[in-house]
N, C-alpha and C. Protein backbone atom coordinates (compact mmCIF):
# COMPACT_ATOMS: atom_id res chain seq x y z
N MET A 1 84.23 89.53 153.06
CA MET A 1 85.59 89.81 152.49
C MET A 1 86.37 88.77 151.54
N LYS A 2 85.70 87.72 151.30
CA LYS A 2 86.09 87.09 150.01
C LYS A 2 85.73 87.67 149.02
N LYS A 3 84.69 88.33 148.88
CA LYS A 3 83.64 89.25 147.87
C LYS A 3 84.81 90.01 147.42
N ILE A 4 85.40 90.85 148.66
CA ILE A 4 86.15 91.93 148.05
C ILE A 4 87.72 91.61 147.40
N GLY A 5 87.93 90.66 148.08
CA GLY A 5 89.73 89.86 147.58
C GLY A 5 88.97 89.48 145.90
N ILE A 6 87.95 89.00 145.61
CA ILE A 6 87.47 88.24 144.41
C ILE A 6 87.53 89.69 143.30
N CYS A 7 86.74 90.51 143.80
CA CYS A 7 86.64 91.80 143.06
C CYS A 7 87.77 92.51 142.74
N SER A 8 88.69 92.91 143.63
CA SER A 8 89.96 93.39 143.53
C SER A 8 90.78 92.90 142.52
N LEU A 9 90.73 91.33 142.40
CA LEU A 9 91.24 90.63 141.45
C LEU A 9 90.85 90.87 140.11
N ILE A 10 89.37 90.85 140.21
CA ILE A 10 89.15 91.03 138.61
C ILE A 10 89.34 92.58 138.27
N ILE A 11 89.26 93.58 138.71
CA ILE A 11 89.91 94.73 138.66
C ILE A 11 91.15 94.67 138.17
N PHE A 12 91.93 94.54 138.73
CA PHE A 12 93.44 94.30 138.61
C PHE A 12 93.68 93.60 137.28
N ILE A 13 93.08 92.34 136.74
CA ILE A 13 93.19 91.70 135.86
C ILE A 13 92.79 92.59 134.58
N SER A 14 91.80 93.45 134.93
CA SER A 14 91.22 94.60 133.94
C SER A 14 92.39 95.33 133.61
N LEU A 15 92.71 95.95 134.70
CA LEU A 15 93.62 97.43 134.19
C LEU A 15 94.89 96.71 133.92
N LEU A 16 95.14 95.13 134.26
CA LEU A 16 96.54 95.14 133.51
C LEU A 16 96.31 94.95 132.20
N SER A 17 95.30 94.27 131.65
CA SER A 17 95.11 94.19 129.97
C SER A 17 94.86 95.59 129.29
N MET A 18 94.14 96.48 130.10
CA MET A 18 94.20 97.89 129.45
C MET A 18 95.32 98.73 129.46
N ALA A 19 96.55 98.15 130.26
CA ALA A 19 97.58 99.16 130.23
C ALA A 19 98.03 99.08 128.90
N ALA A 20 98.24 97.86 128.17
CA ALA A 20 99.20 98.09 126.78
C ALA A 20 98.40 98.84 125.50
N VAL A 21 96.83 99.00 125.74
CA VAL A 21 96.24 99.89 124.78
C VAL A 21 96.44 101.17 125.34
N SER A 22 96.45 101.68 126.22
CA SER A 22 96.01 102.86 126.63
C SER A 22 97.57 103.71 126.86
N ALA A 23 98.47 102.74 126.75
CA ALA A 23 100.19 103.47 127.09
C ALA A 23 100.27 103.83 126.04
N HIS A 24 99.75 103.49 124.60
CA HIS A 24 100.68 103.96 123.32
C HIS A 24 99.55 104.96 123.01
N GLY A 25 98.54 105.16 123.48
CA GLY A 25 97.68 105.92 122.74
C GLY A 25 96.85 105.21 121.37
N ALA A 26 95.84 105.85 120.88
CA ALA A 26 94.89 105.44 119.75
C ALA A 26 95.31 106.14 118.43
N ASP A 27 95.30 105.65 117.46
CA ASP A 27 96.15 106.06 116.17
C ASP A 27 94.85 107.02 115.60
N ILE A 28 94.64 108.36 115.53
CA ILE A 28 93.48 108.90 114.62
C ILE A 28 93.67 109.38 113.54
N THR A 29 95.00 108.84 112.98
CA THR A 29 95.22 109.52 111.74
C THR A 29 94.70 108.46 110.26
N ASP A 30 94.38 108.95 109.27
CA ASP A 30 94.14 107.73 108.25
C ASP A 30 95.29 107.10 107.89
N ASP A 31 94.49 105.77 106.95
CA ASP A 31 95.73 104.75 106.98
C ASP A 31 96.50 105.19 105.79
N THR A 32 96.24 105.99 104.80
CA THR A 32 96.98 106.57 103.51
C THR A 32 97.29 108.19 104.07
N MET A 33 98.47 108.31 104.19
CA MET A 33 99.01 109.50 104.49
C MET A 33 100.16 110.10 104.32
N ILE A 34 100.41 111.30 104.14
CA ILE A 34 101.85 112.12 103.64
C ILE A 34 101.98 112.71 105.35
N ILE A 35 103.50 112.51 105.26
CA ILE A 35 104.28 113.13 106.70
C ILE A 35 104.84 114.30 105.87
N ALA A 36 104.31 115.44 106.42
CA ALA A 36 104.70 116.84 105.75
C ALA A 36 105.38 117.66 107.11
N ASN A 37 105.42 119.03 106.79
CA ASN A 37 106.36 119.70 107.68
C ASN A 37 105.27 121.13 107.58
N GLU A 38 105.90 122.48 107.98
CA GLU A 38 105.30 123.46 107.92
C GLU A 38 105.60 123.69 106.75
N SER A 39 106.85 123.40 105.88
CA SER A 39 107.09 124.38 104.64
C SER A 39 106.37 124.01 103.48
N ASN A 40 106.26 122.54 103.59
CA ASN A 40 105.76 121.83 102.52
C ASN A 40 104.41 121.05 102.87
N GLY A 41 103.40 121.35 103.70
CA GLY A 41 102.66 120.69 104.23
C GLY A 41 101.04 121.12 102.84
N VAL A 42 100.93 122.61 102.72
CA VAL A 42 99.94 123.27 101.84
C VAL A 42 100.40 122.35 100.40
N PHE A 43 101.63 122.63 99.88
CA PHE A 43 102.06 122.67 98.48
C PHE A 43 101.55 120.90 98.18
N ALA A 44 102.00 120.05 99.29
CA ALA A 44 101.52 118.63 99.02
C ALA A 44 99.97 118.22 99.10
N LYS A 45 99.42 119.28 100.54
CA LYS A 45 97.60 119.17 100.11
C LYS A 45 97.33 119.51 98.38
N ASP A 46 97.56 120.58 98.18
CA ASP A 46 97.25 120.85 96.90
C ASP A 46 97.25 119.99 95.64
N ILE A 47 98.75 119.34 95.21
CA ILE A 47 98.96 118.17 94.42
C ILE A 47 97.85 116.93 94.90
N VAL A 48 98.18 116.48 96.05
CA VAL A 48 97.14 115.55 96.43
C VAL A 48 95.61 115.79 95.93
N GLU A 49 95.19 116.79 96.10
CA GLU A 49 93.96 117.33 95.84
C GLU A 49 93.75 117.54 93.93
N ASP A 50 95.16 117.99 93.33
CA ASP A 50 94.66 118.08 91.94
C ASP A 50 94.79 116.60 91.20
N LEU A 51 95.24 115.64 92.18
CA LEU A 51 95.32 114.29 91.56
C LEU A 51 94.22 113.64 91.81
N GLY A 52 93.43 113.93 92.68
CA GLY A 52 91.93 113.32 93.08
C GLY A 52 92.28 112.29 94.21
N LEU A 53 93.10 111.96 94.81
CA LEU A 53 93.32 110.87 95.93
C LEU A 53 93.29 111.07 97.02
N ASN A 54 92.90 109.92 97.25
CA ASN A 54 92.59 110.02 98.98
C ASN A 54 93.44 109.50 100.04
N ILE A 55 94.00 110.70 99.84
CA ILE A 55 95.61 110.82 100.78
C ILE A 55 95.06 111.85 101.75
N THR A 56 95.43 111.98 103.04
CA THR A 56 95.73 113.00 103.79
C THR A 56 96.95 113.18 104.13
N VAL A 57 97.21 114.48 104.30
CA VAL A 57 98.45 115.11 104.46
C VAL A 57 98.64 115.71 105.99
N TYR A 58 98.98 114.98 106.80
CA TYR A 58 99.65 115.85 108.22
C TYR A 58 101.10 116.47 108.34
N LYS A 59 100.70 117.72 108.97
CA LYS A 59 102.14 118.48 109.00
C LYS A 59 102.48 118.13 110.48
N PHE A 60 103.53 117.44 110.71
CA PHE A 60 104.40 116.95 112.10
C PHE A 60 105.26 118.33 112.46
N LYS A 61 105.70 118.36 113.63
CA LYS A 61 106.18 119.51 114.50
C LYS A 61 107.69 119.03 114.76
N SER A 62 107.91 117.57 114.89
CA SER A 62 109.02 117.18 115.88
C SER A 62 109.37 115.96 115.08
N ASP A 63 110.55 115.47 115.30
CA ASP A 63 111.10 113.75 114.76
C ASP A 63 110.35 112.94 115.83
N GLY A 64 109.94 113.43 117.20
CA GLY A 64 109.62 112.51 118.09
C GLY A 64 108.11 112.34 117.63
N ASP A 65 107.14 113.34 116.79
CA ASP A 65 106.14 112.88 116.50
C ASP A 65 105.58 111.73 115.19
N VAL A 66 106.88 112.03 114.32
CA VAL A 66 106.91 111.30 113.40
C VAL A 66 107.16 109.94 113.54
N GLU A 67 108.02 109.00 114.46
CA GLU A 67 108.59 108.27 115.14
C GLU A 67 107.31 107.72 115.62
N HIS A 68 106.66 108.30 116.55
CA HIS A 68 105.26 107.55 117.34
C HIS A 68 104.23 107.29 116.12
N GLN A 69 104.38 108.09 114.69
CA GLN A 69 103.19 107.86 113.72
C GLN A 69 103.98 106.35 113.23
N LEU A 70 105.00 106.34 112.86
CA LEU A 70 105.63 105.35 112.58
C LEU A 70 105.27 103.90 113.54
N GLU A 71 105.30 104.05 114.48
CA GLU A 71 104.82 103.17 115.36
C GLU A 71 103.67 102.39 115.42
N HIS A 72 102.65 103.16 115.19
CA HIS A 72 101.43 102.84 115.06
C HIS A 72 101.53 102.23 113.73
N ALA A 73 102.28 102.75 112.33
CA ALA A 73 102.43 101.91 111.38
C ALA A 73 102.76 100.18 111.38
N LEU A 74 103.66 100.28 112.53
CA LEU A 74 104.05 98.84 112.82
C LEU A 74 102.76 97.79 113.34
N THR A 75 101.59 98.38 113.97
CA THR A 75 100.90 97.60 114.29
C THR A 75 99.42 97.55 113.66
N ASN A 76 99.80 98.82 112.62
CA ASN A 76 98.26 98.76 111.65
C ASN A 76 98.93 98.15 110.12
N PRO A 77 98.60 97.27 109.75
CA PRO A 77 99.09 96.73 108.77
C PRO A 77 98.45 97.48 107.48
N ASN A 78 97.42 97.96 107.55
CA ASN A 78 96.67 98.84 106.47
C ASN A 78 97.55 100.41 106.44
N LYS A 79 98.55 100.90 107.07
CA LYS A 79 98.72 102.15 107.24
C LYS A 79 99.62 102.18 106.07
N ARG A 80 99.84 103.17 105.21
CA ARG A 80 100.52 103.44 103.86
C ARG A 80 101.04 105.09 104.38
N ILE A 81 102.61 105.26 104.60
CA ILE A 81 102.82 106.45 104.72
C ILE A 81 104.21 107.24 103.32
N LEU A 82 103.84 108.20 103.18
CA LEU A 82 104.40 108.63 102.17
C LEU A 82 105.29 109.75 102.93
N ALA A 83 106.41 109.78 103.25
CA ALA A 83 107.37 110.95 103.89
C ALA A 83 108.01 112.06 102.76
N ILE A 84 107.21 113.09 102.90
CA ILE A 84 108.38 114.44 102.39
C ILE A 84 109.04 115.11 103.09
N ALA A 85 108.73 114.98 104.61
CA ALA A 85 109.51 115.82 105.22
C ALA A 85 110.26 114.56 106.46
N TYR A 86 111.09 115.18 107.43
CA TYR A 86 111.75 114.25 108.15
C TYR A 86 112.47 112.84 107.60
N GLN A 87 112.50 113.40 106.42
CA GLN A 87 113.10 111.99 105.68
C GLN A 87 114.27 111.05 106.37
N ASP A 88 115.18 111.89 107.06
CA ASP A 88 116.28 111.38 107.72
C ASP A 88 115.77 110.48 109.18
N THR A 89 114.78 111.27 109.54
CA THR A 89 114.14 110.36 110.72
C THR A 89 113.40 108.92 110.24
N VAL A 90 112.57 108.75 109.27
CA VAL A 90 112.12 108.24 108.41
C VAL A 90 112.76 106.85 108.06
N GLU A 91 114.37 107.17 107.17
CA GLU A 91 114.84 106.24 106.56
C GLU A 91 115.56 105.83 108.01
N SER A 92 115.78 106.30 108.93
CA SER A 92 116.60 105.38 110.14
C SER A 92 115.39 104.66 110.86
N TYR A 93 114.74 105.26 111.11
CA TYR A 93 113.15 104.28 111.68
C TYR A 93 113.27 102.90 110.51
N LEU A 94 113.18 102.96 109.30
CA LEU A 94 112.95 102.01 108.28
C LEU A 94 114.26 101.10 108.15
N ASP A 95 115.57 101.52 109.13
CA ASP A 95 116.50 100.70 108.71
C ASP A 95 116.63 100.05 110.04
N ASN A 96 115.43 100.35 110.81
CA ASN A 96 115.78 99.38 112.13
C ASN A 96 114.05 98.59 112.09
N HIS A 97 113.45 99.07 111.30
CA HIS A 97 111.95 98.12 111.15
C HIS A 97 111.81 98.04 109.84
N ILE A 98 112.35 96.99 109.20
CA ILE A 98 112.61 96.71 107.93
C ILE A 98 111.08 96.20 107.06
N GLU A 99 110.22 95.37 108.25
CA GLU A 99 108.97 95.47 108.04
C GLU A 99 108.33 96.53 107.33
N LEU A 100 108.81 97.43 107.29
CA LEU A 100 107.68 98.89 106.92
C LEU A 100 107.87 99.17 105.74
N LYS A 101 109.32 98.41 105.16
CA LYS A 101 109.47 99.23 103.91
C LYS A 101 108.68 99.05 102.52
N ASP A 102 107.98 98.08 102.81
CA ASP A 102 107.07 97.88 101.38
C ASP A 102 105.94 98.91 101.99
N ARG A 103 105.57 99.43 102.82
CA ARG A 103 104.19 100.73 103.03
C ARG A 103 104.99 102.06 103.44
N VAL A 104 106.07 102.35 103.65
CA VAL A 104 106.24 103.03 103.78
C VAL A 104 106.95 103.78 102.97
N LEU A 105 107.30 105.07 102.24
CA LEU A 105 108.21 106.04 101.21
C LEU A 105 108.44 107.05 101.60
N VAL A 106 109.43 107.06 100.72
CA VAL A 106 110.48 108.56 101.21
C VAL A 106 110.27 109.22 99.96
N SER A 107 110.29 110.46 99.97
CA SER A 107 110.50 111.42 98.86
C SER A 107 111.01 112.60 99.01
N ASN A 108 111.26 113.46 98.00
CA ASN A 108 111.60 114.36 97.91
C ASN A 108 110.40 115.54 97.47
N ASP A 109 110.52 116.71 98.19
CA ASP A 109 109.14 117.69 98.40
C ASP A 109 109.10 118.38 97.00
N ASP A 110 109.53 118.10 95.99
CA ASP A 110 109.64 118.68 94.62
C ASP A 110 107.99 117.74 93.93
N GLU A 111 107.17 119.15 92.96
CA GLU A 111 106.04 118.51 92.55
C GLU A 111 106.18 116.99 91.86
N LYS A 112 106.98 116.71 90.85
CA LYS A 112 107.39 115.78 90.21
C LYS A 112 107.47 114.27 91.05
N SER A 113 108.08 114.34 92.16
CA SER A 113 108.78 113.15 93.27
C SER A 113 107.21 113.11 94.07
N ILE A 114 106.48 114.10 94.28
CA ILE A 114 105.70 113.75 95.29
C ILE A 114 104.22 113.17 94.27
N ILE A 115 104.35 113.40 92.93
CA ILE A 115 103.33 112.96 92.38
C ILE A 115 103.36 111.61 91.91
N ASP A 116 104.76 111.27 91.29
CA ASP A 116 104.70 109.82 91.14
C ASP A 116 104.94 109.16 92.61
N SER A 117 105.32 109.61 94.03
CA SER A 117 105.19 109.12 95.14
C SER A 117 103.87 108.54 95.55
N CYS A 118 102.89 109.55 95.27
CA CYS A 118 101.35 109.45 95.69
C CYS A 118 101.10 108.18 95.02
N LYS A 119 100.85 108.29 93.66
CA LYS A 119 100.85 107.53 92.68
C LYS A 119 101.10 105.69 93.31
N LYS A 120 102.40 105.65 93.61
CA LYS A 120 103.03 104.77 94.32
C LYS A 120 102.36 103.88 95.35
N LEU A 121 102.32 105.04 96.56
CA LEU A 121 101.45 105.08 97.36
C LEU A 121 100.42 104.83 97.32
N VAL A 122 99.07 104.69 96.38
CA VAL A 122 98.29 104.35 96.46
C VAL A 122 98.10 103.00 95.72
N GLU A 123 99.07 102.46 95.38
CA GLU A 123 98.88 101.32 94.48
C GLU A 123 99.77 100.36 95.31
N ILE A 124 99.84 100.39 96.84
CA ILE A 124 100.61 99.40 97.42
C ILE A 124 99.50 98.49 97.94
N ASP A 125 99.59 97.31 97.93
CA ASP A 125 98.68 96.10 97.84
C ASP A 125 99.13 95.90 99.54
N VAL A 126 98.11 96.70 100.40
CA VAL A 126 98.66 96.16 101.85
C VAL A 126 97.91 94.83 102.46
N GLY A 127 96.93 94.12 101.56
CA GLY A 127 96.62 92.97 101.72
C GLY A 127 97.37 91.91 101.42
N SER A 128 98.55 92.44 101.03
CA SER A 128 99.67 91.29 100.78
C SER A 128 101.01 91.21 102.10
N VAL A 129 100.25 92.12 103.08
CA VAL A 129 101.47 92.35 104.33
C VAL A 129 100.53 91.08 105.48
N SER A 130 101.34 90.48 105.89
CA SER A 130 100.77 89.34 106.71
C SER A 130 100.60 89.87 108.17
N VAL A 131 99.38 89.59 108.23
CA VAL A 131 98.55 89.91 109.50
C VAL A 131 98.31 88.91 110.73
N SER A 132 98.99 87.87 110.46
CA SER A 132 99.00 86.83 111.45
C SER A 132 99.59 87.08 112.86
N SER A 133 100.40 87.59 112.92
CA SER A 133 101.07 88.13 114.29
C SER A 133 100.12 89.35 114.85
N ASN A 134 99.78 90.00 113.87
CA ASN A 134 98.36 90.96 114.41
C ASN A 134 97.03 90.26 114.98
N PHE A 135 96.76 89.23 114.59
CA PHE A 135 95.67 88.68 115.06
C PHE A 135 95.92 87.67 116.24
N LEU A 136 97.31 86.93 115.96
CA LEU A 136 97.30 85.91 117.44
C LEU A 136 97.67 86.79 118.67
N THR A 137 98.49 87.76 118.60
CA THR A 137 98.43 88.17 119.72
C THR A 137 97.16 88.49 120.41
N PRO A 138 96.28 89.67 120.48
CA PRO A 138 95.34 89.80 120.89
C PRO A 138 94.29 88.50 121.28
N LEU A 139 94.30 87.64 120.22
CA LEU A 139 93.55 86.11 120.28
C LEU A 139 94.12 85.55 121.71
N LEU A 140 95.10 85.26 121.68
CA LEU A 140 96.25 84.39 123.21
C LEU A 140 96.02 85.65 124.39
N VAL A 141 95.85 86.69 124.34
CA VAL A 141 95.63 87.56 125.39
C VAL A 141 94.21 87.50 126.11
N GLY A 142 93.23 87.51 124.97
CA GLY A 142 91.79 86.97 125.66
C GLY A 142 91.51 85.55 125.96
N VAL A 143 92.67 84.38 125.31
CA VAL A 143 92.46 83.38 126.12
C VAL A 143 92.54 83.26 127.78
N VAL A 144 94.24 84.03 127.69
CA VAL A 144 94.74 83.89 129.17
C VAL A 144 93.72 84.61 129.96
N ILE A 145 93.26 85.71 129.81
CA ILE A 145 92.34 86.56 130.67
C ILE A 145 90.86 85.61 130.97
N GLY A 146 90.63 85.06 129.73
CA GLY A 146 89.55 84.14 129.87
C GLY A 146 89.50 83.25 130.93
N LEU A 147 91.02 82.65 130.71
CA LEU A 147 90.88 81.33 131.59
C LEU A 147 91.20 81.51 132.89
N LEU A 148 91.96 82.86 133.20
CA LEU A 148 91.83 83.13 134.57
C LEU A 148 90.56 83.72 135.08
N ILE A 149 89.78 84.35 134.48
CA ILE A 149 88.30 84.98 135.37
C ILE A 149 87.69 83.57 135.32
N GLY A 150 87.53 82.50 134.66
CA GLY A 150 87.02 81.70 134.37
C GLY A 150 87.35 80.60 135.65
N ILE A 151 89.00 80.59 135.99
CA ILE A 151 89.37 79.77 137.04
C ILE A 151 88.77 80.39 138.61
N VAL A 152 89.08 81.75 138.45
CA VAL A 152 88.67 82.58 139.73
C VAL A 152 87.14 82.46 140.14
N VAL A 153 86.15 82.44 138.79
CA VAL A 153 84.28 82.16 139.25
C VAL A 153 84.37 80.83 139.30
N GLY A 154 85.14 80.05 138.95
CA GLY A 154 84.85 78.90 139.24
C GLY A 154 85.37 78.17 140.65
N ALA A 155 86.25 78.96 140.82
CA ALA A 155 86.61 78.74 142.79
C ALA A 155 85.65 79.31 143.36
N VAL A 156 85.12 80.22 143.26
CA VAL A 156 83.90 81.18 143.86
C VAL A 156 82.80 79.90 143.98
N VAL A 157 82.44 79.71 142.89
CA VAL A 157 81.01 78.71 142.63
C VAL A 157 81.46 77.39 143.56
N LEU A 158 82.23 77.05 143.50
CA LEU A 158 82.61 75.48 144.10
C LEU A 158 82.95 75.77 145.74
N LYS A 159 82.93 76.87 146.47
CA LYS A 159 83.44 77.32 147.67
C LYS A 159 81.98 77.55 148.29
N ARG A 160 81.00 78.29 147.02
CA ARG A 160 79.48 78.36 147.83
C ARG A 160 78.78 77.16 147.87
N LYS A 161 78.93 76.09 146.99
CA LYS A 161 78.32 75.00 147.16
C LYS A 161 78.93 74.50 148.19
N LYS A 162 79.79 74.27 148.73
CA LYS A 162 80.18 73.56 150.07
C LYS A 162 79.68 73.85 151.20
């Protein structure tokens, strides 16, 4: 009976630690990207290919999808984004998250603006972004989970010795 309780406690702790990761989803986009829509995506892709830059163009279909991508940029300090579509959504998001202003650019969708902005985008030094908070949080979560598991295993071992 005690083994079932301990096993269920360990499973419960494992599920709690995974909930934060699976709730938001994994980011499958490249770190340097352009947010485009149906009307300007192909044009932007042609410009990027002509420039020979390593930038991926993604076509988004809604403001919600764009906001979701910007949420990924909050947790990924290497992500650099150029928005040539959904500019109002991106600017509104940047007003609420000023820490992204160094890595997220907004541009018009004409050729000269895209070329200039793409060059600025690849020049952004992501190494200057502070990642201490991004490292500290998983470390603390790991330490707390490790302590809890250690206490449970220690209690089981001590009870068996008696």
